[in-house]
Amino acid sequence: MATKRAKATGCNFGKPYCDYSAHERVSLEFQGHQLYGYVFRPSGDAAASGDRSGSLPCMMIWPQYCGMMEYHISEATIAVADIALVCDYYSDAQVPHQIRNVSQYGLDSPERAMHRKIALEAMNTQLQRPQTVFRALVRAFFETAQALTGVNPEEIAAMGFCYGGIAVLEMWRQGLDVKGIVSLHGVFETKPIALGPGHAPPPVLDTTVDPAVYAKNCKVLIEHGEKDHVAPPDMVERFRWEMSDPGLDIQFVIHYGVGHGFALAPGLDGHHPAADARSYRHIIDFMRELFPRVVQNNLPQKTPSGFPLYPAPVSSSPHHTQGDVSTHEGI
């Protein structure tokens, strides 16, 4: 299944097209489409220390609506776990890689409109299908992660951006043996999403919903923007009732005044440096809680977007006051 393997480097997020053939990848066929997952492992000095008598934890990364891009394999994202598997929902025929990076297009350009049409329609096509089909998709990638060389199948976590929030929640709801999940400005319901303001979402073609069984002992971290128009207050309220189920271990962090997409790269709608940095600090602590035997070396100093994870050091000059210090919070 695996093909080539290489260190997680390559083109920058801003480039229009990335050749992923240099990276280790695994393939799976799903409903007539050839899908890929991209595997990244720490190099020597970046590797985690601790009990290595067995296998290592794996972090599954689920992208936003447009699918896998170089942004999702940055060193900062991968550093939160020993091994990372970036899961691509789409084949190149469904959403060509050349069009996935929306930041290459002007704000009102026809190319940007075409990008959104193709990618959002591909996402909604998946969400219109029976919930069981989408669950089967995420389960297929989960089983792929379990089978990866060097991965402990009992130490798998997952994080998802936007549409990826649906993927991690459906891992949890169907009871997959996942240790923890993280949703970054994610969507809470497995339904088609409106293509923009004033548009109604496409209809659900099959309204059958399997009851949630929830993954035993799975910890959940939700990083949510209070002004997120894709996950509005009524959706949050419905999810709040779901979170009230006894025995669930959930943290729900609200970034007030922050909208959708706060942890995406600059140039994409909604990026918010402070919420971006704070959410990744939360994720690093969350991973330490999930996998206490693993001690990370060389933790990232920046988010995948390139912003500092921690405020810049404040000068020890006596001329600085407490008020000066507070202005650095959120950098």
Protein backbone atom coordinates (compact mmCIF):
# COMPACT_ATOMS: atom_id res chain seq x y z
CA MET A 1 0.00 0.00 0.00
CA ALA A 2 2.71 2.45 0.91
CA THR A 3 4.70 4.11 -1.82
CA LYS A 4 7.46 6.68 -1.41
CA ARG A 5 8.57 8.22 1.84
CA ALA A 6 10.23 11.56 2.46
CA LYS A 7 10.54 14.26 5.06
CA ALA A 8 7.57 16.61 5.20
CA THR A 9 8.94 19.44 3.16
CA GLY A 10 8.03 20.76 -0.24
CA CYS A 11 6.26 23.70 -1.76
CA ASN A 12 4.92 26.59 0.28
CA PHE A 13 1.22 27.07 0.90
CA GLY A 14 1.12 30.02 -1.48
CA LYS A 15 2.14 28.02 -4.52
CA PRO A 16 -0.71 26.93 -6.75
CA TYR A 17 0.20 23.26 -7.08
CA CYS A 18 2.09 20.72 -5.01
CA ASP A 19 3.57 17.47 -6.27
CA TYR A 20 2.86 15.05 -3.42
CA SER A 21 4.51 12.09 -5.14
CA ALA A 22 7.68 12.60 -3.07
CA HIS A 23 5.81 11.87 0.17
CA GLU A 24 5.01 8.51 1.68
CA ARG A 25 1.42 7.73 0.88
CA VAL A 26 -1.17 5.02 1.30
CA SER A 27 -4.08 4.46 -1.01
CA LEU A 28 -7.59 3.17 -0.65
CA GLU A 29 -10.48 2.80 -3.05
CA PHE A 30 -13.81 4.18 -1.94
CA GLN A 31 -16.95 4.08 -4.06
CA GLY A 32 -15.02 4.02 -7.31
CA HIS A 33 -12.50 6.72 -6.38
CA GLN A 34 -8.81 6.25 -5.64
CA LEU A 35 -8.11 8.19 -2.44
CA TYR A 36 -4.80 8.82 -0.71
CA GLY A 37 -3.51 9.45 2.74
CA TYR A 38 -0.11 11.10 3.20
CA VAL A 39 2.13 9.84 6.00
CA PHE A 40 4.72 11.92 7.82
CA ARG A 41 7.18 10.76 10.43
CA PRO A 42 9.53 12.83 12.60
CA SER A 43 13.16 12.96 11.57
CA GLY A 44 15.85 12.10 14.13
CA ASP A 45 16.16 15.23 16.24
CA ALA A 46 12.45 16.03 16.00
CA ALA A 47 11.37 12.60 17.19
CA ALA A 48 9.60 12.18 20.47
CA SER A 49 11.39 10.53 23.35
CA GLY A 50 9.92 8.15 25.90
CA ASP A 51 8.86 4.53 25.82
CA ARG A 52 9.66 3.33 22.32
CA SER A 53 9.50 -0.39 23.09
CA GLY A 54 6.30 -0.55 21.09
CA SER A 55 4.75 1.54 18.35
CA LEU A 56 4.02 5.26 18.24
CA PRO A 57 0.89 7.41 18.39
CA CYS A 58 -0.66 8.73 15.19
CA MET A 59 -2.51 11.98 14.55
CA MET A 60 -4.99 11.87 11.68
CA ILE A 61 -5.49 15.28 10.03
CA TRP A 62 -8.74 16.02 8.20
CA PRO A 63 -8.63 19.10 5.91
CA GLN A 64 -11.27 21.72 5.18
CA TYR A 65 -13.71 21.68 2.26
CA CYS A 66 -11.09 21.89 -0.50
CA GLY A 67 -9.17 18.80 0.59
CA MET A 68 -5.48 18.12 1.10
CA MET A 69 -3.00 20.96 0.54
CA GLU A 70 0.64 21.50 1.52
CA TYR A 71 -0.56 23.61 4.43
CA HIS A 72 -1.81 20.50 6.19
CA ILE A 73 1.60 18.85 6.24
CA SER A 74 3.61 21.69 7.68
CA GLU A 75 6.15 20.84 10.36
CA ALA A 76 4.10 22.66 13.00
CA THR A 77 1.01 20.55 12.44
CA ILE A 78 2.91 17.29 12.38
CA ALA A 79 4.93 18.05 15.52
CA VAL A 80 1.92 17.43 17.78
CA ALA A 81 2.23 13.66 17.30
CA ASP A 82 4.89 11.12 16.38
CA ILE A 83 3.30 10.05 13.11
CA ALA A 84 0.72 11.98 11.09
CA LEU A 85 -1.70 10.79 8.44
CA VAL A 86 -3.28 13.53 6.33
CA CYS A 87 -6.53 12.18 4.91
CA ASP A 88 -7.72 13.38 1.52
CA TYR A 89 -11.47 13.02 0.96
CA TYR A 90 -11.19 13.58 -2.78
CA SER A 91 -9.53 12.04 -5.76
CA ASP A 92 -7.82 14.41 -8.18
CA ALA A 93 -10.75 13.84 -10.53
CA GLN A 94 -13.21 15.12 -7.91
CA VAL A 95 -11.22 18.22 -6.90
CA PRO A 96 -8.02 18.74 -8.96
CA HIS A 97 -5.02 19.69 -6.83
CA GLN A 98 -4.25 22.59 -9.14
CA ILE A 99 -7.35 24.47 -8.06
CA ARG A 100 -7.39 23.68 -4.33
CA ASN A 101 -5.38 26.65 -3.05
CA VAL A 102 -7.95 29.44 -3.06
CA SER A 103 -5.38 32.07 -2.04
CA GLN A 104 -3.86 31.95 -5.54
CA TYR A 105 -6.99 33.63 -6.91
CA GLY A 106 -8.20 37.21 -6.63
CA LEU A 107 -11.05 37.86 -4.21
CA ASP A 108 -13.67 38.45 -6.91
CA SER A 109 -12.05 36.48 -9.71
CA PRO A 110 -13.94 33.91 -11.78
CA GLU A 111 -11.23 31.38 -10.90
CA ARG A 112 -11.97 31.80 -7.19
CA ALA A 113 -15.67 31.35 -7.86
CA MET A 114 -14.94 28.20 -9.86
CA HIS A 115 -12.70 26.86 -7.07
CA ARG A 116 -15.48 27.29 -4.52
CA LYS A 117 -18.10 25.80 -6.81
CA ILE A 118 -16.09 22.64 -7.54
CA ALA A 119 -14.79 22.07 -4.01
CA LEU A 120 -18.00 22.92 -2.16
CA GLU A 121 -20.09 20.83 -4.52
CA ALA A 122 -17.72 17.88 -3.99
CA MET A 123 -18.07 18.30 -0.21
CA ASN A 124 -21.85 18.54 -0.35
CA THR A 125 -22.09 15.52 -2.63
CA GLN A 126 -20.42 13.54 0.12
CA LEU A 127 -22.67 15.06 2.80
CA GLN A 128 -25.87 14.40 0.81
CA ARG A 129 -25.27 10.67 0.91
CA PRO A 130 -26.52 8.52 3.78
CA GLN A 131 -24.65 9.18 7.00
CA THR A 132 -23.53 5.56 6.95
CA VAL A 133 -21.55 6.23 3.76
CA PHE A 134 -19.65 9.16 5.27
CA ARG A 135 -18.97 7.12 8.39
CA ALA A 136 -17.63 4.34 6.18
CA LEU A 137 -15.26 6.84 4.53
CA VAL A 138 -13.75 8.03 7.82
CA ARG A 139 -13.64 4.46 9.11
CA ALA A 140 -11.67 3.36 6.05
CA PHE A 141 -9.03 6.03 6.74
CA PHE A 142 -9.02 5.13 10.45
CA GLU A 143 -8.34 1.48 9.65
CA THR A 144 -5.61 2.63 7.28
CA ALA A 145 -4.01 4.60 10.13
CA GLN A 146 -4.20 1.58 12.43
CA ALA A 147 -2.36 -0.53 9.86
CA LEU A 148 0.50 1.92 9.28
CA THR A 149 3.96 0.61 10.04
CA GLY A 150 5.14 1.91 13.39
CA VAL A 151 1.71 3.04 14.61
CA ASN A 152 0.17 1.75 17.81
CA PRO A 153 -3.42 1.07 16.71
CA GLU A 154 -4.63 1.90 20.22
CA GLU A 155 -3.02 5.36 20.20
CA ILE A 156 -4.73 7.29 17.43
CA ALA A 157 -6.06 10.84 17.66
CA ALA A 158 -7.59 13.06 15.00
CA MET A 159 -7.95 16.76 14.27
CA GLY A 160 -10.15 18.39 11.67
CA PHE A 161 -10.51 21.85 10.14
CA CYS A 162 -14.02 23.05 9.13
CA TYR A 163 -15.40 20.12 7.10
CA GLY A 164 -12.80 18.04 8.93
CA GLY A 165 -14.70 18.80 12.12
CA ILE A 166 -17.52 16.64 10.78
CA ALA A 167 -15.03 13.83 10.05
CA VAL A 168 -13.61 13.72 13.59
CA LEU A 169 -17.06 13.91 15.17
CA GLU A 170 -18.25 11.01 13.02
CA MET A 171 -15.23 8.98 14.14
CA TRP A 172 -16.32 9.65 17.72
CA ARG A 173 -20.05 9.12 17.15
CA GLN A 174 -19.67 5.72 15.52
CA GLY A 175 -17.47 4.46 18.35
CA LEU A 176 -14.10 4.07 16.62
CA ASP A 177 -11.29 3.38 19.06
CA VAL A 178 -9.83 6.88 18.92
CA LYS A 179 -8.10 8.37 21.98
CA GLY A 180 -9.03 11.97 21.29
CA ILE A 181 -10.40 14.32 18.65
CA VAL A 182 -9.91 18.03 17.98
CA SER A 183 -12.26 20.23 15.95
CA LEU A 184 -10.90 23.58 14.71
CA HIS A 185 -13.75 25.88 13.60
CA GLY A 186 -15.54 22.68 12.70
CA VAL A 187 -19.10 21.93 11.66
CA PHE A 188 -21.16 19.92 14.14
CA GLU A 189 -23.79 18.31 11.91
CA THR A 190 -23.33 15.85 9.06
CA LYS A 191 -25.47 17.71 6.55
CA PRO A 192 -24.83 19.69 3.33
CA ILE A 193 -23.64 23.26 3.85
CA ALA A 194 -24.93 26.39 2.12
CA LEU A 195 -22.62 27.65 -0.63
CA GLY A 196 -22.80 31.23 0.64
CA PRO A 197 -25.01 33.90 2.20
CA GLY A 198 -28.53 33.81 0.85
CA HIS A 199 -28.17 30.26 -0.44
CA ALA A 200 -30.02 27.27 0.96
CA PRO A 201 -27.97 24.12 1.52
CA PRO A 202 -28.60 21.24 -0.90
CA PRO A 203 -31.15 18.72 0.35
CA VAL A 204 -30.17 15.63 2.29
CA LEU A 205 -30.91 12.67 0.04
CA ASP A 206 -31.22 10.17 2.88
CA THR A 207 -32.29 11.40 6.31
CA THR A 208 -31.64 8.10 8.07
CA VAL A 209 -29.33 8.76 11.02
CA ASP A 210 -27.75 5.97 13.03
CA PRO A 211 -27.78 6.53 16.79
CA ALA A 212 -24.49 7.72 18.20
CA VAL A 213 -22.63 5.20 20.34
CA TYR A 214 -19.55 7.39 21.03
CA ALA A 215 -15.99 6.16 21.35
CA LYS A 216 -15.28 4.89 24.85
CA ASN A 217 -12.71 6.95 26.75
CA CYS A 218 -12.33 9.40 23.84
CA LYS A 219 -11.51 12.96 24.89
CA VAL A 220 -12.94 15.78 22.77
CA LEU A 221 -11.53 19.29 22.25
CA ILE A 222 -13.66 21.80 20.34
CA GLU A 223 -12.11 25.15 19.29
CA HIS A 224 -14.99 27.32 18.09
CA GLY A 225 -15.32 30.91 16.89
CA GLU A 226 -18.29 32.66 18.46
CA LYS A 227 -19.15 34.41 15.16
CA ASP A 228 -18.74 31.30 13.00
CA HIS A 229 -21.42 31.60 10.30
CA VAL A 230 -20.90 27.99 9.17
CA ALA A 231 -21.62 26.67 12.67
CA PRO A 232 -24.17 29.28 13.87
CA PRO A 233 -25.70 29.53 17.36
CA ASP A 234 -28.66 27.23 16.63
CA MET A 235 -26.27 24.47 15.50
CA VAL A 236 -24.10 25.06 18.58
CA GLU A 237 -27.19 24.80 20.79
CA ARG A 238 -28.15 21.44 19.26
CA PHE A 239 -24.60 20.21 19.77
CA ARG A 240 -24.73 21.45 23.37
CA TRP A 241 -27.54 18.99 24.02
CA GLU A 242 -25.47 16.23 22.47
CA MET A 243 -22.52 17.17 24.70
CA SER A 244 -24.71 16.80 27.79
CA ASP A 245 -24.77 13.02 27.37
CA PRO A 246 -23.43 11.55 30.65
CA GLY A 247 -19.92 10.16 30.58
CA LEU A 248 -18.57 12.24 27.70
CA ASP A 249 -15.25 14.04 28.17
CA ILE A 250 -15.54 17.31 26.23
CA GLN A 251 -13.84 20.69 26.31
CA PHE A 252 -15.61 23.39 24.31
CA VAL A 253 -13.48 26.52 23.87
CA ILE A 254 -15.21 29.61 22.50
CA HIS A 255 -13.11 32.37 20.93
CA TYR A 256 -15.40 35.39 21.30
CA GLY A 257 -15.53 37.89 18.46
CA VAL A 258 -13.86 35.37 16.13
CA GLY A 259 -15.39 33.94 12.97
CA HIS A 260 -14.97 30.86 10.84
CA GLY A 261 -11.55 29.73 9.58
CA PHE A 262 -9.41 31.31 12.33
CA ALA A 263 -6.75 28.58 12.17
CA LEU A 264 -6.35 28.57 8.39
CA ALA A 265 -3.51 30.20 6.56
CA PRO A 266 -3.36 33.96 5.94
CA GLY A 267 -5.10 34.71 2.66
CA LEU A 268 -8.02 32.46 3.50
CA ASP A 269 -11.26 33.79 4.90
CA GLY A 270 -11.30 34.33 8.64
CA HIS A 271 -7.71 33.78 9.77
CA HIS A 272 -7.23 35.19 13.28
CA PRO A 273 -3.63 35.08 14.61
CA ALA A 274 -4.51 35.16 18.32
CA ALA A 275 -7.18 32.43 18.13
CA ASP A 276 -4.90 30.44 15.82
CA ALA A 277 -2.02 30.50 18.34
CA ARG A 278 -4.20 29.86 21.38
CA SER A 279 -5.93 26.89 19.77
CA TYR A 280 -2.60 25.25 18.89
CA ARG A 281 -1.32 25.77 22.43
CA HIS A 282 -4.46 23.98 23.60
CA ILE A 283 -3.81 21.15 21.13
CA ILE A 284 -0.24 20.64 22.35
CA ASP A 285 -1.46 20.35 25.94
CA PHE A 286 -4.28 18.07 24.82
CA MET A 287 -1.81 15.72 23.11
CA ARG A 288 0.29 15.57 26.27
CA GLU A 289 -2.84 14.50 28.13
CA LEU A 290 -3.72 11.86 25.55
CA PHE A 291 -0.24 10.37 25.28
CA PRO A 292 1.62 11.03 28.55
CA ARG A 293 4.33 8.46 27.73
CA VAL A 294 5.46 10.58 24.81
CA VAL A 295 7.73 13.55 25.45
CA GLN A 296 7.95 15.83 22.44
CA ASN A 297 11.30 17.31 21.53
CA ASN A 298 11.62 20.50 19.48
CA LEU A 299 8.01 21.56 19.78
CA PRO A 300 6.96 24.07 17.13
CA GLN A 301 7.28 27.77 17.88
CA LYS A 302 4.80 28.75 15.20
CA THR A 303 1.36 27.66 14.07
CA PRO A 304 1.01 26.05 10.61
CA SER A 305 -0.01 29.54 9.46
CA GLY A 306 3.40 30.88 10.50
CA PHE A 307 2.33 32.91 13.52
CA PRO A 308 4.17 32.64 16.88
CA LEU A 309 2.64 30.16 19.30
CA TYR A 310 3.69 32.22 22.30
CA PRO A 311 3.89 35.96 22.96
CA ALA A 312 7.28 37.54 22.35
CA PRO A 313 9.42 37.86 25.50
CA VAL A 314 8.91 41.16 27.30
CA SER A 315 11.97 43.22 28.13
CA SER A 316 12.97 43.21 31.79
CA SER A 317 13.50 46.97 31.64
CA PRO A 318 12.02 48.70 34.74
CA HIS A 319 10.26 51.11 32.38
CA HIS A 320 7.82 48.37 31.38
CA THR A 321 4.61 48.30 33.40
CA GLN A 322 2.01 45.60 33.83
CA GLY A 323 -0.05 47.40 31.19
CA ASP A 324 2.78 47.01 28.71
CA VAL A 325 2.92 43.29 29.38
CA SER A 326 -0.79 42.80 28.77
CA THR A 327 -0.59 44.33 25.31
CA HIS A 328 1.53 41.38 24.20
CA GLU A 329 -1.13 38.82 25.05
CA GLY A 330 -2.59 37.12 22.00
CA ILE A 331 0.33 37.65 19.62
